[in-house]
Amino acid sequence: MEASLKAKLAKAVDAVQKAAVDATHNIWLHPEQGDHETYAVSYLTDALRKEGFNIRENLAGLATAFEADYGSGHPRIALLAEYDALPGYGPNKDQWGHACGHNWIAGNCLGTALAMKKLIDEKVVSGTICFMGCPAEESTGGKIPMAEQGCFDDMDLAMQIHINNGN
């Protein structure tokens, strides 16, 4: 990667790091069952709308699925965010909690989208960044009806982030 491009990317990431971490923490504090992730969706869409992203809600007939786009043309890059929780992983093991780090996935997708927006605005890169809110990963699998109904058909690339204990 060209040194000046790497420096611009690092600067963009540094500028949005707090927003990404705040999203991660806020979603962690509000774990929600799949298909009922209203807090997470509201938090994420509010943050993206504030930054000028165009929001389409209720994708594929799913109340907590959404797409937030910024930029124009191709490439169209999809960031697949998850934000549902699991039962039995809360503080007392009898509540909902983020066992698989979906709060982290959502926060990192937000940070990536905001950093890419900065690079688009500075004309460092071109294209469209598409934050895809994908509900119910741990239960009904929101990406399935989203794919079946063509929500990803116009994407040139889709990226999924997931935590693990190694590389």
Foldseek 3Di string as FASTA:
>chain_A
DDPVLVVLLVVLLVVCVVQLVVQLVVLQVPAAAFLGSVVSQVSLVVVLVVVPWDKDACALVRRRKIKTKDADDDQEEEEEAERHWDAQPPPVRGGTGHPFSSSNSSSVLSSVQSSVNVCCVVVVDHHMYMYIYATNCPHPGRVVSNVVVPVCVNHPYYDGDTDDPDD
